[in-house]
């Protein structure tokens, strides 16, 4: 089978390897049919890491994936060859204090697909994964959409954690795949007003298509004054989805007293600076979002029921032998790309 590796900065190499075998009774062998290119993958590709996580070359890559079950271990029930599945790429140990407390997303021994030193990446024609991480894909959902289940689940989890109430006034800073996932899930969760910002006009136009009530180009118009003209008393929730540290100060300026900043984006630097005084003066809360927890299956149901239309996010498609082109496209923000997917199967 073929496996994609980062072998140096901005270089991906396909290598032939023997297919993996199931070595644990509760694991499954899955043919990876679709792979989404995530922003964190692109940081590894273009910069060799994100935050404190650094790549050691060669490194496998990728975690947004969906495919078809080929074989299951003897201890697996409820899953059989031929089933289409979306894979939750976070493999929790199930035994630590965090897992026992129902916090699998902060598992002490978490192994995440494609993260340095953790689980092998999903950019491979076959993968052996825990059967519990294989979520059946409803018949009405395509494999392309199923590959979006992981970023959509981050959006749904962020909305759930925010305790957003009907009628909430919300801003999403950053209209990439995660920001758009927050928008879609917020609109599906409750009646609310959602404002979107970004630096790229094609993404803002897509945000409008996905239901944003107002979208502003922060590169051309100051985002904070533009939004405060519409909401002079401030907003209830701000979801920071860009990873840009400057957006933390923007969020503080946008929030009404008692409001909450949901930090979803991953700052690329290990340390950031921001003004703490607006948070103190206005008693603002900050809630960090660590990936997602138990949201992949609900997202798949929402897709099947038509409560979330994520198809507009799927802007570009590539075969496996052009995976490097997919990464270059996303790294350069070219051609209006939002989500590039790679077809493996």
C-alpha atoms as a PDB file:
ATOM      1  CA  UNK A   1       0.000   0.000   0.000  1.00  0.00           C
ATOM      2  CA  UNK A   2       1.014   3.646  -0.343  1.00  0.00           C
ATOM      3  CA  UNK A   3       1.665   5.921   2.634  1.00  0.00           C
ATOM      4  CA  UNK A   4       2.326   9.680   2.500  1.00  0.00           C
ATOM      5  CA  UNK A   5       5.199  11.096   4.544  1.00  0.00           C
ATOM      6  CA  UNK A   6       6.537  14.546   5.313  1.00  0.00           C
ATOM      7  CA  UNK A   7      10.226  14.083   4.462  1.00  0.00           C
ATOM      8  CA  UNK A   8      11.298  17.734   4.715  1.00  0.00           C
ATOM      9  CA  UNK A   9       9.609  21.116   4.755  1.00  0.00           C
ATOM     10  CA  UNK A  10       7.065  21.494   1.939  1.00  0.00           C
ATOM     11  CA  UNK A  11       7.777  18.026   0.602  1.00  0.00           C
ATOM     12  CA  UNK A  12       5.540  14.933   0.704  1.00  0.00           C
ATOM     13  CA  UNK A  13       6.736  11.545  -0.485  1.00  0.00           C
ATOM     14  CA  UNK A  14       4.626   8.482  -1.245  1.00  0.00           C
ATOM     15  CA  UNK A  15       6.182   5.229  -0.080  1.00  0.00           C
ATOM     16  CA  UNK A  16       5.193   1.622  -0.642  1.00  0.00           C
ATOM     17  CA  UNK A  17       4.793  -0.327   2.590  1.00  0.00           C
ATOM     18  CA  UNK A  18       3.313  -3.681   3.628  1.00  0.00           C
ATOM     19  CA  UNK A  19      -0.330  -3.399   4.675  1.00  0.00           C
ATOM     20  CA  UNK A  20      -0.868  -3.192   8.453  1.00  0.00           C
ATOM     21  CA  UNK A  21      -2.382  -6.090  10.353  1.00  0.00           C
ATOM     22  CA  UNK A  22      -4.827  -6.109  13.248  1.00  0.00           C
ATOM     23  CA  UNK A  23      -2.847  -6.860  16.389  1.00  0.00           C
ATOM     24  CA  UNK A  24      -5.492  -6.095  19.028  1.00  0.00           C
ATOM     25  CA  UNK A  25      -8.913  -7.751  19.350  1.00  0.00           C
ATOM     26  CA  UNK A  26     -10.863  -4.476  19.528  1.00  0.00           C
ATOM     27  CA  UNK A  27      -9.268  -2.855  16.455  1.00  0.00           C
ATOM     28  CA  UNK A  28     -10.363  -2.694  12.816  1.00  0.00           C
ATOM     29  CA  UNK A  29      -8.600  -2.485   9.460  1.00  0.00           C
ATOM     30  CA  UNK A  30     -10.013   0.412   7.445  1.00  0.00           C
ATOM     31  CA  UNK A  31      -9.409   1.408   3.850  1.00  0.00           C
ATOM     32  CA  UNK A  32      -8.965   5.189   3.943  1.00  0.00           C
ATOM     33  CA  UNK A  33     -11.073   6.520   1.077  1.00  0.00           C
ATOM     34  CA  UNK A  34     -11.070  10.262   1.794  1.00  0.00           C
ATOM     35  CA  UNK A  35      -8.650  12.547   3.607  1.00  0.00           C
ATOM     36  CA  UNK A  36      -9.149  16.219   4.421  1.00  0.00           C
ATOM     37  CA  UNK A  37      -6.208  18.622   4.576  1.00  0.00           C
ATOM     38  CA  UNK A  38      -6.342  20.390   7.953  1.00  0.00           C
ATOM     39  CA  UNK A  39      -4.698  23.677   8.925  1.00  0.00           C
ATOM     40  CA  UNK A  40      -2.611  21.933  11.583  1.00  0.00           C
ATOM     41  CA  UNK A  41      -1.334  19.531   8.901  1.00  0.00           C
ATOM     42  CA  UNK A  42      -0.283  22.545   6.856  1.00  0.00           C
ATOM     43  CA  UNK A  43       1.689  24.003   9.782  1.00  0.00           C
ATOM     44  CA  UNK A  44       3.631  20.719   9.975  1.00  0.00           C
ATOM     45  CA  UNK A  45       4.091  20.794   6.194  1.00  0.00           C
ATOM     46  CA  UNK A  46       5.210  24.415   5.821  1.00  0.00           C
ATOM     47  CA  UNK A  47       6.810  25.196   9.194  1.00  0.00           C
ATOM     48  CA  UNK A  48       7.717  21.836  10.716  1.00  0.00           C
ATOM     49  CA  UNK A  49       5.393  22.214  13.687  1.00  0.00           C
ATOM     50  CA  UNK A  50       2.772  24.154  15.552  1.00  0.00           C
ATOM     51  CA  UNK A  51       3.277  25.509  19.062  1.00  0.00           C
ATOM     52  CA  UNK A  52       5.488  23.107  20.988  1.00  0.00           C
ATOM     53  CA  UNK A  53       4.790  20.165  18.652  1.00  0.00           C
ATOM     54  CA  UNK A  54       7.622  19.664  16.163  1.00  0.00           C
ATOM     55  CA  UNK A  55       7.901  17.146  13.351  1.00  0.00           C
ATOM     56  CA  UNK A  56      10.729  14.633  13.197  1.00  0.00           C
ATOM     57  CA  UNK A  57      11.196  13.675   9.556  1.00  0.00           C
ATOM     58  CA  UNK A  58      10.023  11.414   8.057  1.00  0.00           C
ATOM     59  CA  UNK A  59       6.560  11.740   9.584  1.00  0.00           C
ATOM     60  CA  UNK A  60       3.168  10.397   8.604  1.00  0.00           C
ATOM     61  CA  UNK A  61       0.388  12.919   8.231  1.00  0.00           C
ATOM     62  CA  UNK A  62      -3.331  13.570   8.281  1.00  0.00           C
ATOM     63  CA  UNK A  63      -6.295  12.921  10.568  1.00  0.00           C
ATOM     64  CA  UNK A  64      -9.536  14.040   8.876  1.00  0.00           C
ATOM     65  CA  UNK A  65     -10.652  10.823   7.247  1.00  0.00           C
ATOM     66  CA  UNK A  66     -13.426   8.449   6.253  1.00  0.00           C
ATOM     67  CA  UNK A  67     -13.317   5.013   4.684  1.00  0.00           C
ATOM     68  CA  UNK A  68     -14.519   1.443   4.494  1.00  0.00           C
ATOM     69  CA  UNK A  69     -14.045  -1.353   7.024  1.00  0.00           C
ATOM     70  CA  UNK A  70     -12.052  -4.240   5.534  1.00  0.00           C
ATOM     71  CA  UNK A  71     -11.610  -6.487   8.582  1.00  0.00           C
ATOM     72  CA  UNK A  72     -12.385  -6.441  12.305  1.00  0.00           C
ATOM     73  CA  UNK A  73     -10.706  -8.021  15.309  1.00  0.00           C
ATOM     74  CA  UNK A  74     -12.339 -10.893  17.201  1.00  0.00           C
ATOM     75  CA  UNK A  75     -13.487  -8.606  20.011  1.00  0.00           C
ATOM     76  CA  UNK A  76     -15.369  -6.156  17.778  1.00  0.00           C
ATOM     77  CA  UNK A  77     -19.158  -6.053  17.780  1.00  0.00           C
ATOM     78  CA  UNK A  78     -21.446  -3.799  15.769  1.00  0.00           C
ATOM     79  CA  UNK A  79     -18.954  -3.244  12.960  1.00  0.00           C
ATOM     80  CA  UNK A  80     -18.367  -5.422   9.914  1.00  0.00           C
ATOM     81  CA  UNK A  81     -16.450  -5.434   6.625  1.00  0.00           C
ATOM     82  CA  UNK A  82     -18.063  -3.158   4.077  1.00  0.00           C
ATOM     83  CA  UNK A  83     -19.310  -0.607   6.598  1.00  0.00           C
ATOM     84  CA  UNK A  84     -18.547   3.004   5.718  1.00  0.00           C
ATOM     85  CA  UNK A  85     -17.103   4.880   8.671  1.00  0.00           C
ATOM     86  CA  UNK A  86     -15.824   8.269   9.760  1.00  0.00           C
ATOM     87  CA  UNK A  87     -12.810   7.912  12.019  1.00  0.00           C
ATOM     88  CA  UNK A  88     -12.451   9.874  15.239  1.00  0.00           C
ATOM     89  CA  UNK A  89      -8.662  10.416  15.082  1.00  0.00           C
ATOM     90  CA  UNK A  90      -8.174  10.817  18.857  1.00  0.00           C
ATOM     91  CA  UNK A  91      -7.378   7.450  20.447  1.00  0.00           C
ATOM     92  CA  UNK A  92      -7.959   7.706  24.200  1.00  0.00           C
ATOM     93  CA  UNK A  93      -6.573   5.127  26.631  1.00  0.00           C
ATOM     94  CA  UNK A  94      -9.863   4.672  28.491  1.00  0.00           C
ATOM     95  CA  UNK A  95      -8.069   4.081  31.802  1.00  0.00           C
ATOM     96  CA  UNK A  96      -6.556   7.355  33.052  1.00  0.00           C
ATOM     97  CA  UNK A  97      -8.246   9.786  35.437  1.00  0.00           C
ATOM     98  CA  UNK A  98      -9.414  11.982  32.551  1.00  0.00           C
ATOM     99  CA  UNK A  99     -11.012   9.106  30.653  1.00  0.00           C
ATOM    100  CA  UNK A 100     -12.702   7.838  33.818  1.00  0.00           C
ATOM    101  CA  UNK A 101     -14.099  11.351  34.344  1.00  0.00           C
ATOM    102  CA  UNK A 102     -15.544  11.378  30.816  1.00  0.00           C
ATOM    103  CA  UNK A 103     -12.866  13.715  29.459  1.00  0.00           C
ATOM    104  CA  UNK A 104     -11.429  11.553  26.712  1.00  0.00           C
ATOM    105  CA  UNK A 105     -10.308  14.651  24.790  1.00  0.00           C
ATOM    106  CA  UNK A 106      -7.830  15.451  27.571  1.00  0.00           C
ATOM    107  CA  UNK A 107      -6.735  11.833  28.033  1.00  0.00           C
ATOM    108  CA  UNK A 108      -3.300  11.665  29.671  1.00  0.00           C
ATOM    109  CA  UNK A 109      -2.183   9.106  27.094  1.00  0.00           C
ATOM    110  CA  UNK A 110      -4.028  10.410  24.031  1.00  0.00           C
ATOM    111  CA  UNK A 111      -2.717   9.279  20.649  1.00  0.00           C
ATOM    112  CA  UNK A 112      -3.837  11.492  17.789  1.00  0.00           C
ATOM    113  CA  UNK A 113      -3.495  10.414  14.168  1.00  0.00           C
ATOM    114  CA  UNK A 114      -0.702  12.288  12.407  1.00  0.00           C
ATOM    115  CA  UNK A 115       0.528  14.171  15.486  1.00  0.00           C
ATOM    116  CA  UNK A 116       4.280  13.992  16.131  1.00  0.00           C
ATOM    117  CA  UNK A 117       5.192  10.953  18.204  1.00  0.00           C
ATOM    118  CA  UNK A 118       1.597   9.739  18.506  1.00  0.00           C
ATOM    119  CA  UNK A 119      -0.542   7.600  16.164  1.00  0.00           C
ATOM    120  CA  UNK A 120       0.299   7.039  12.479  1.00  0.00           C
ATOM    121  CA  UNK A 121      -1.284   9.536  10.112  1.00  0.00           C
ATOM    122  CA  UNK A 122      -4.365   8.829   8.027  1.00  0.00           C
ATOM    123  CA  UNK A 123      -2.715   9.534   4.663  1.00  0.00           C
ATOM    124  CA  UNK A 124      -2.357   5.831   3.934  1.00  0.00           C
ATOM    125  CA  UNK A 125      -4.408   3.447   1.859  1.00  0.00           C
ATOM    126  CA  UNK A 126      -5.036   1.245   4.919  1.00  0.00           C
ATOM    127  CA  UNK A 127      -5.035   1.956   8.654  1.00  0.00           C
ATOM    128  CA  UNK A 128      -5.562  -0.107  11.799  1.00  0.00           C
ATOM    129  CA  UNK A 129      -7.580   1.896  14.326  1.00  0.00           C
ATOM    130  CA  UNK A 130      -9.683   1.238  17.434  1.00  0.00           C
ATOM    131  CA  UNK A 131     -13.103   0.008  16.397  1.00  0.00           C
ATOM    132  CA  UNK A 132     -14.639   2.361  18.962  1.00  0.00           C
ATOM    133  CA  UNK A 133     -13.280   5.265  16.881  1.00  0.00           C
ATOM    134  CA  UNK A 134     -15.071   4.085  13.741  1.00  0.00           C
ATOM    135  CA  UNK A 135     -18.442   5.828  13.509  1.00  0.00           C
ATOM    136  CA  UNK A 136     -20.905   4.417  10.931  1.00  0.00           C
ATOM    137  CA  UNK A 137     -21.724   6.820   8.115  1.00  0.00           C
ATOM    138  CA  UNK A 138     -25.461   7.091   7.348  1.00  0.00           C
ATOM    139  CA  UNK A 139     -26.487   6.103   3.841  1.00  0.00           C
ATOM    140  CA  UNK A 140     -27.496   9.681   2.998  1.00  0.00           C
ATOM    141  CA  UNK A 141     -23.984  11.004   3.751  1.00  0.00           C
ATOM    142  CA  UNK A 142     -21.210  10.776   1.154  1.00  0.00           C
ATOM    143  CA  UNK A 143     -17.664   9.837   2.093  1.00  0.00           C
ATOM    144  CA  UNK A 144     -16.549  13.339   1.087  1.00  0.00           C
ATOM    145  CA  UNK A 145     -18.900  14.811   3.682  1.00  0.00           C
ATOM    146  CA  UNK A 146     -17.972  12.118   6.199  1.00  0.00           C
ATOM    147  CA  UNK A 147     -14.354  13.291   5.991  1.00  0.00           C
ATOM    148  CA  UNK A 148     -15.613  16.652   7.309  1.00  0.00           C
ATOM    149  CA  UNK A 149     -17.016  15.006  10.444  1.00  0.00           C
ATOM    150  CA  UNK A 150     -13.880  15.763  12.483  1.00  0.00           C
ATOM    151  CA  UNK A 151     -13.719  19.546  11.871  1.00  0.00           C
ATOM    152  CA  UNK A 152     -17.505  19.778  12.146  1.00  0.00           C
ATOM    153  CA  UNK A 153     -17.336  17.933  15.465  1.00  0.00           C
ATOM    154  CA  UNK A 154     -14.875  20.556  16.748  1.00  0.00           C
ATOM    155  CA  UNK A 155     -17.393  23.227  15.764  1.00  0.00           C
ATOM    156  CA  UNK A 156     -20.262  21.414  17.475  1.00  0.00           C
ATOM    157  CA  UNK A 157     -18.228  20.812  20.633  1.00  0.00           C
ATOM    158  CA  UNK A 158     -17.232  24.490  20.803  1.00  0.00           C
ATOM    159  CA  UNK A 159     -20.880  25.539  20.488  1.00  0.00           C
ATOM    160  CA  UNK A 160     -21.935  23.086  23.193  1.00  0.00           C
ATOM    161  CA  UNK A 161     -19.187  24.246  25.570  1.00  0.00           C
ATOM    162  CA  UNK A 162     -20.171  27.872  25.043  1.00  0.00           C
ATOM    163  CA  UNK A 163     -23.590  27.356  26.630  1.00  0.00           C
ATOM    164  CA  UNK A 164     -25.031  29.505  23.879  1.00  0.00           C
ATOM    165  CA  UNK A 165     -28.679  30.402  24.433  1.00  0.00           C
ATOM    166  CA  UNK A 166     -31.416  31.122  21.869  1.00  0.00           C
ATOM    167  CA  UNK A 167     -31.160  34.689  20.654  1.00  0.00           C
ATOM    168  CA  UNK A 168     -27.414  34.867  21.337  1.00  0.00           C
ATOM    169  CA  UNK A 169     -25.293  37.434  19.513  1.00  0.00           C
ATOM    170  CA  UNK A 170     -22.129  35.722  18.328  1.00  0.00           C
ATOM    171  CA  UNK A 171     -18.967  36.553  16.379  1.00  0.00           C
ATOM    172  CA  UNK A 172     -16.702  34.001  14.742  1.00  0.00           C
ATOM    173  CA  UNK A 173     -13.213  35.356  14.052  1.00  0.00           C
ATOM    174  CA  UNK A 174     -11.783  33.403  11.137  1.00  0.00           C
ATOM    175  CA  UNK A 175     -13.885  31.892   8.343  1.00  0.00           C
ATOM    176  CA  UNK A 176     -11.736  28.866   7.553  1.00  0.00           C
ATOM    177  CA  UNK A 177     -13.028  25.294   7.928  1.00  0.00           C
ATOM    178  CA  UNK A 178     -13.231  25.463  11.736  1.00  0.00           C
ATOM    179  CA  UNK A 179     -14.868  28.888  11.810  1.00  0.00           C
ATOM    180  CA  UNK A 180     -17.396  27.798   9.185  1.00  0.00           C
ATOM    181  CA  UNK A 181     -18.024  24.612  11.182  1.00  0.00           C
ATOM    182  CA  UNK A 182     -18.808  26.748  14.239  1.00  0.00           C
ATOM    183  CA  UNK A 183     -21.161  28.871  12.123  1.00  0.00           C
ATOM    184  CA  UNK A 184     -23.036  25.846  10.754  1.00  0.00           C
ATOM    185  CA  UNK A 185     -23.352  24.187  14.151  1.00  0.00           C
ATOM    186  CA  UNK A 186     -24.354  27.398  15.944  1.00  0.00           C
ATOM    187  CA  UNK A 187     -27.122  28.008  13.425  1.00  0.00           C
ATOM    188  CA  UNK A 188     -28.283  24.408  13.779  1.00  0.00           C
ATOM    189  CA  UNK A 189     -28.209  24.516  17.581  1.00  0.00           C
ATOM    190  CA  UNK A 190     -30.401  27.544  18.284  1.00  0.00           C
ATOM    191  CA  UNK A 191     -31.771  30.749  16.752  1.00  0.00           C
ATOM    192  CA  UNK A 192     -28.881  33.205  16.936  1.00  0.00           C
ATOM    193  CA  UNK A 193     -27.174  36.059  15.140  1.00  0.00           C
ATOM    194  CA  UNK A 194     -23.710  35.165  13.844  1.00  0.00           C
ATOM    195  CA  UNK A 195     -21.145  37.667  12.578  1.00  0.00           C
ATOM    196  CA  UNK A 196     -18.099  36.383  10.677  1.00  0.00           C
ATOM    197  CA  UNK A 197     -14.701  37.941   9.983  1.00  0.00           C
ATOM    198  CA  UNK A 198     -11.789  36.946   7.777  1.00  0.00           C
ATOM    199  CA  UNK A 199      -9.033  38.410   5.619  1.00  0.00           C
ATOM    200  CA  UNK A 200     -10.108  36.571   2.443  1.00  0.00           C
ATOM    201  CA  UNK A 201     -13.216  37.622   0.537  1.00  0.00           C
ATOM    202  CA  UNK A 202     -13.995  34.160  -0.943  1.00  0.00           C
ATOM    203  CA  UNK A 203     -14.244  32.743   2.574  1.00  0.00           C
ATOM    204  CA  UNK A 204     -16.522  35.564   3.658  1.00  0.00           C
ATOM    205  CA  UNK A 205     -18.754  34.944   0.663  1.00  0.00           C
ATOM    206  CA  UNK A 206     -18.918  31.276   1.638  1.00  0.00           C
ATOM    207  CA  UNK A 207     -19.776  32.290   5.216  1.00  0.00           C
ATOM    208  CA  UNK A 208     -22.716  34.283   3.833  1.00  0.00           C
ATOM    209  CA  UNK A 209     -23.838  31.252   1.833  1.00  0.00           C
ATOM    210  CA  UNK A 210     -23.631  29.146   4.990  1.00  0.00           C
ATOM    211  CA  UNK A 211     -25.946  31.455   6.927  1.00  0.00           C
ATOM    212  CA  UNK A 212     -23.839  34.245   8.413  1.00  0.00           C
ATOM    213  CA  UNK A 213     -25.962  37.290   9.224  1.00  0.00           C
ATOM    214  CA  UNK A 214     -23.065  39.641   8.434  1.00  0.00           C
ATOM    215  CA  UNK A 215     -19.497  39.039   7.270  1.00  0.00           C
ATOM    216  CA  UNK A 216     -16.735  41.636   7.256  1.00  0.00           C
ATOM    217  CA  UNK A 217     -13.281  41.676   5.678  1.00  0.00           C
ATOM    218  CA  UNK A 218     -10.951  42.597   8.531  1.00  0.00           C
ATOM    219  CA  UNK A 219      -8.175  43.460   6.055  1.00  0.00           C
ATOM    220  CA  UNK A 220     -10.272  46.173   4.398  1.00  0.00           C
ATOM    221  CA  UNK A 221     -12.575  47.336   7.198  1.00  0.00           C
ATOM    222  CA  UNK A 222     -11.826  47.321  10.892  1.00  0.00           C
ATOM    223  CA  UNK A 223     -13.707  44.288  12.165  1.00  0.00           C
ATOM    224  CA  UNK A 224     -14.290  45.636  15.669  1.00  0.00           C
ATOM    225  CA  UNK A 225     -15.880  48.996  14.718  1.00  0.00           C
ATOM    226  CA  UNK A 226     -17.879  47.346  11.917  1.00  0.00           C
ATOM    227  CA  UNK A 227     -19.411  44.824  14.310  1.00  0.00           C
ATOM    228  CA  UNK A 228     -19.919  47.284  17.163  1.00  0.00           C
ATOM    229  CA  UNK A 229     -21.865  49.567  14.831  1.00  0.00           C
ATOM    230  CA  UNK A 230     -24.328  46.689  14.544  1.00  0.00           C
ATOM    231  CA  UNK A 231     -24.071  45.580  18.182  1.00  0.00           C
ATOM    232  CA  UNK A 232     -23.125  48.676  20.227  1.00  0.00           C
ATOM    233  CA  UNK A 233     -23.701  46.858  23.538  1.00  0.00           C
ATOM    234  CA  UNK A 234     -21.340  44.037  22.566  1.00  0.00           C
ATOM    235  CA  UNK A 235     -21.681  40.337  21.924  1.00  0.00           C
ATOM    236  CA  UNK A 236     -22.482  37.357  24.130  1.00  0.00           C
ATOM    237  CA  UNK A 237     -19.925  34.956  22.663  1.00  0.00           C
ATOM    238  CA  UNK A 238     -16.862  35.277  20.452  1.00  0.00           C
ATOM    239  CA  UNK A 239     -15.351  32.152  18.893  1.00  0.00           C
ATOM    240  CA  UNK A 240     -11.695  32.756  18.005  1.00  0.00           C
ATOM    241  CA  UNK A 241     -11.034  30.320  15.150  1.00  0.00           C
ATOM    242  CA  UNK A 242      -8.062  31.849  13.344  1.00  0.00           C
ATOM    243  CA  UNK A 243      -5.210  31.188  15.770  1.00  0.00           C
ATOM    244  CA  UNK A 244      -4.075  34.813  15.287  1.00  0.00           C
ATOM    245  CA  UNK A 245      -3.148  36.244  18.729  1.00  0.00           C
ATOM    246  CA  UNK A 246      -4.378  39.686  17.640  1.00  0.00           C
ATOM    247  CA  UNK A 247      -7.893  38.267  17.603  1.00  0.00           C
ATOM    248  CA  UNK A 248      -7.819  37.858  21.389  1.00  0.00           C
ATOM    249  CA  UNK A 249      -7.738  41.632  21.839  1.00  0.00           C
ATOM    250  CA  UNK A 250     -10.432  41.949  19.170  1.00  0.00           C
ATOM    251  CA  UNK A 251     -12.612  39.499  21.087  1.00  0.00           C
ATOM    252  CA  UNK A 252     -12.171  41.474  24.297  1.00  0.00           C
ATOM    253  CA  UNK A 253     -13.295  44.641  22.510  1.00  0.00           C
ATOM    254  CA  UNK A 254     -16.347  42.909  21.040  1.00  0.00           C
ATOM    255  CA  UNK A 255     -17.683  41.123  24.117  1.00  0.00           C
ATOM    256  CA  UNK A 256     -20.353  42.572  26.339  1.00  0.00           C
ATOM    257  CA  UNK A 257     -19.603  42.514  30.090  1.00  0.00           C
ATOM    258  CA  UNK A 258     -19.907  38.946  31.321  1.00  0.00           C
ATOM    259  CA  UNK A 259     -19.353  37.559  27.818  1.00  0.00           C
ATOM    260  CA  UNK A 260     -17.226  34.562  26.901  1.00  0.00           C
ATOM    261  CA  UNK A 261     -14.314  34.080  24.538  1.00  0.00           C
ATOM    262  CA  UNK A 262     -14.179  30.557  23.122  1.00  0.00           C
ATOM    263  CA  UNK A 263     -10.574  29.919  22.100  1.00  0.00           C
ATOM    264  CA  UNK A 264     -10.824  27.357  19.300  1.00  0.00           C
ATOM    265  CA  UNK A 265      -7.951  28.341  16.983  1.00  0.00           C
ATOM    266  CA  UNK A 266      -4.420  27.157  17.709  1.00  0.00           C
ATOM    267  CA  UNK A 267      -1.834  29.975  17.950  1.00  0.00           C
ATOM    268  CA  UNK A 268       1.249  28.879  15.992  1.00  0.00           C
ATOM    269  CA  UNK A 269       3.705  30.395  18.503  1.00  0.00           C
ATOM    270  CA  UNK A 270       4.356  28.838  21.949  1.00  0.00           C
ATOM    271  CA  UNK A 271       3.694  32.199  23.692  1.00  0.00           C
ATOM    272  CA  UNK A 272       1.319  35.057  22.965  1.00  0.00           C
ATOM    273  CA  UNK A 273       0.636  38.530  24.389  1.00  0.00           C
ATOM    274  CA  UNK A 274      -2.686  40.263  24.950  1.00  0.00           C
ATOM    275  CA  UNK A 275      -4.142  43.017  27.122  1.00  0.00           C
ATOM    276  CA  UNK A 276      -5.658  41.386  30.240  1.00  0.00           C
ATOM    277  CA  UNK A 277      -7.427  44.503  31.526  1.00  0.00           C
ATOM    278  CA  UNK A 278     -10.599  44.350  29.394  1.00  0.00           C
ATOM    279  CA  UNK A 279     -11.052  40.793  30.644  1.00  0.00           C
ATOM    280  CA  UNK A 280     -10.752  42.058  34.221  1.00  0.00           C
ATOM    281  CA  UNK A 281     -12.824  45.213  33.825  1.00  0.00           C
ATOM    282  CA  UNK A 282     -15.708  43.448  32.095  1.00  0.00           C
ATOM    283  CA  UNK A 283     -15.472  40.125  33.925  1.00  0.00           C
ATOM    284  CA  UNK A 284     -15.011  38.238  30.680  1.00  0.00           C
ATOM    285  CA  UNK A 285     -14.570  34.483  30.651  1.00  0.00           C
ATOM    286  CA  UNK A 286     -12.164  32.522  28.471  1.00  0.00           C
ATOM    287  CA  UNK A 287     -12.941  28.930  27.574  1.00  0.00           C
ATOM    288  CA  UNK A 288     -10.368  26.851  25.709  1.00  0.00           C
ATOM    289  CA  UNK A 289     -11.601  24.167  23.346  1.00  0.00           C
ATOM    290  CA  UNK A 290      -9.547  20.983  23.134  1.00  0.00           C
ATOM    291  CA  UNK A 291     -10.577  19.354  19.868  1.00  0.00           C
ATOM    292  CA  UNK A 292     -13.913  17.610  20.537  1.00  0.00           C
ATOM    293  CA  UNK A 293     -15.637  15.022  22.676  1.00  0.00           C
ATOM    294  CA  UNK A 294     -18.459  12.663  21.633  1.00  0.00           C
ATOM    295  CA  UNK A 295     -19.514  14.903  18.755  1.00  0.00           C
ATOM    296  CA  UNK A 296     -18.646  12.865  15.633  1.00  0.00           C
ATOM    297  CA  UNK A 297     -21.779  10.701  15.754  1.00  0.00           C
ATOM    298  CA  UNK A 298     -24.105  13.692  16.372  1.00  0.00           C
ATOM    299  CA  UNK A 299     -22.500  15.550  13.460  1.00  0.00           C
ATOM    300  CA  UNK A 300     -23.066  12.592  11.145  1.00  0.00           C
ATOM    301  CA  UNK A 301     -26.746  12.551  12.195  1.00  0.00           C
ATOM    302  CA  UNK A 302     -27.010  16.296  11.563  1.00  0.00           C
ATOM    303  CA  UNK A 303     -25.556  15.814   8.079  1.00  0.00           C
ATOM    304  CA  UNK A 304     -27.921  12.926   7.335  1.00  0.00           C
ATOM    305  CA  UNK A 305     -30.950  14.889   8.550  1.00  0.00           C
ATOM    306  CA  UNK A 306     -30.013  17.981   6.533  1.00  0.00           C
ATOM    307  CA  UNK A 307     -29.659  20.143   9.639  1.00  0.00           C
ATOM    308  CA  UNK A 308     -26.132  21.037   8.513  1.00  0.00           C
ATOM    309  CA  UNK A 309     -25.202  21.579   4.859  1.00  0.00           C
ATOM    310  CA  UNK A 310     -21.424  21.311   4.780  1.00  0.00           C
ATOM    311  CA  UNK A 311     -21.101  20.587   1.053  1.00  0.00           C
ATOM    312  CA  UNK A 312     -20.045  24.184   0.215  1.00  0.00           C
ATOM    313  CA  UNK A 313     -16.901  23.695   2.332  1.00  0.00           C
ATOM    314  CA  UNK A 314     -15.649  21.003  -0.082  1.00  0.00           C
ATOM    315  CA  UNK A 315     -13.955  23.282  -2.585  1.00  0.00           C
ATOM    316  CA  UNK A 316     -11.128  21.140  -4.032  1.00  0.00           C
ATOM    317  CA  UNK A 317     -10.459  17.440  -4.674  1.00  0.00           C
ATOM    318  CA  UNK A 318      -7.176  15.663  -5.489  1.00  0.00           C
ATOM    319  CA  UNK A 319      -6.031  12.093  -6.164  1.00  0.00           C
ATOM    320  CA  UNK A 320      -3.429  10.614  -3.824  1.00  0.00           C
ATOM    321  CA  UNK A 321      -0.570  11.108  -6.276  1.00  0.00           C
ATOM    322  CA  UNK A 322      -1.254  14.882  -6.116  1.00  0.00           C
ATOM    323  CA  UNK A 323      -1.401  15.180  -2.339  1.00  0.00           C
ATOM    324  CA  UNK A 324       1.538  17.598  -2.444  1.00  0.00           C
ATOM    325  CA  UNK A 325      -0.480  19.897  -4.725  1.00  0.00           C
ATOM    326  CA  UNK A 326      -3.341  19.791  -2.214  1.00  0.00           C
ATOM    327  CA  UNK A 327      -1.040  20.903   0.595  1.00  0.00           C
ATOM    328  CA  UNK A 328       0.523  23.651  -1.512  1.00  0.00           C
ATOM    329  CA  UNK A 329      -2.905  24.965  -2.435  1.00  0.00           C
ATOM    330  CA  UNK A 330      -4.059  25.113   1.193  1.00  0.00           C
ATOM    331  CA  UNK A 331      -0.742  26.522   2.432  1.00  0.00           C
ATOM    332  CA  UNK A 332      -0.987  29.361  -0.105  1.00  0.00           C
ATOM    333  CA  UNK A 333      -4.717  30.052   0.437  1.00  0.00           C
ATOM    334  CA  UNK A 334      -5.031  29.931  -3.351  1.00  0.00           C
ATOM    335  CA  UNK A 335      -8.027  29.626  -5.657  1.00  0.00           C
ATOM    336  CA  UNK A 336     -10.583  30.260  -2.910  1.00  0.00           C
ATOM    337  CA  UNK A 337      -9.729  27.000  -1.177  1.00  0.00           C
ATOM    338  CA  UNK A 338     -11.558  26.175   2.047  1.00  0.00           C
ATOM    339  CA  UNK A 339     -11.304  22.409   2.330  1.00  0.00           C
ATOM    340  CA  UNK A 340      -9.189  20.280   0.009  1.00  0.00           C
ATOM    341  CA  UNK A 341      -9.793  16.548   0.121  1.00  0.00           C
ATOM    342  CA  UNK A 342      -7.642  13.717  -1.173  1.00  0.00           C
ATOM    343  CA  UNK A 343      -9.177  10.580  -2.650  1.00  0.00           C
ATOM    344  CA  UNK A 344      -7.207   7.501  -1.638  1.00  0.00           C
ATOM    345  CA  UNK A 345      -9.594   4.598  -2.213  1.00  0.00           C
END
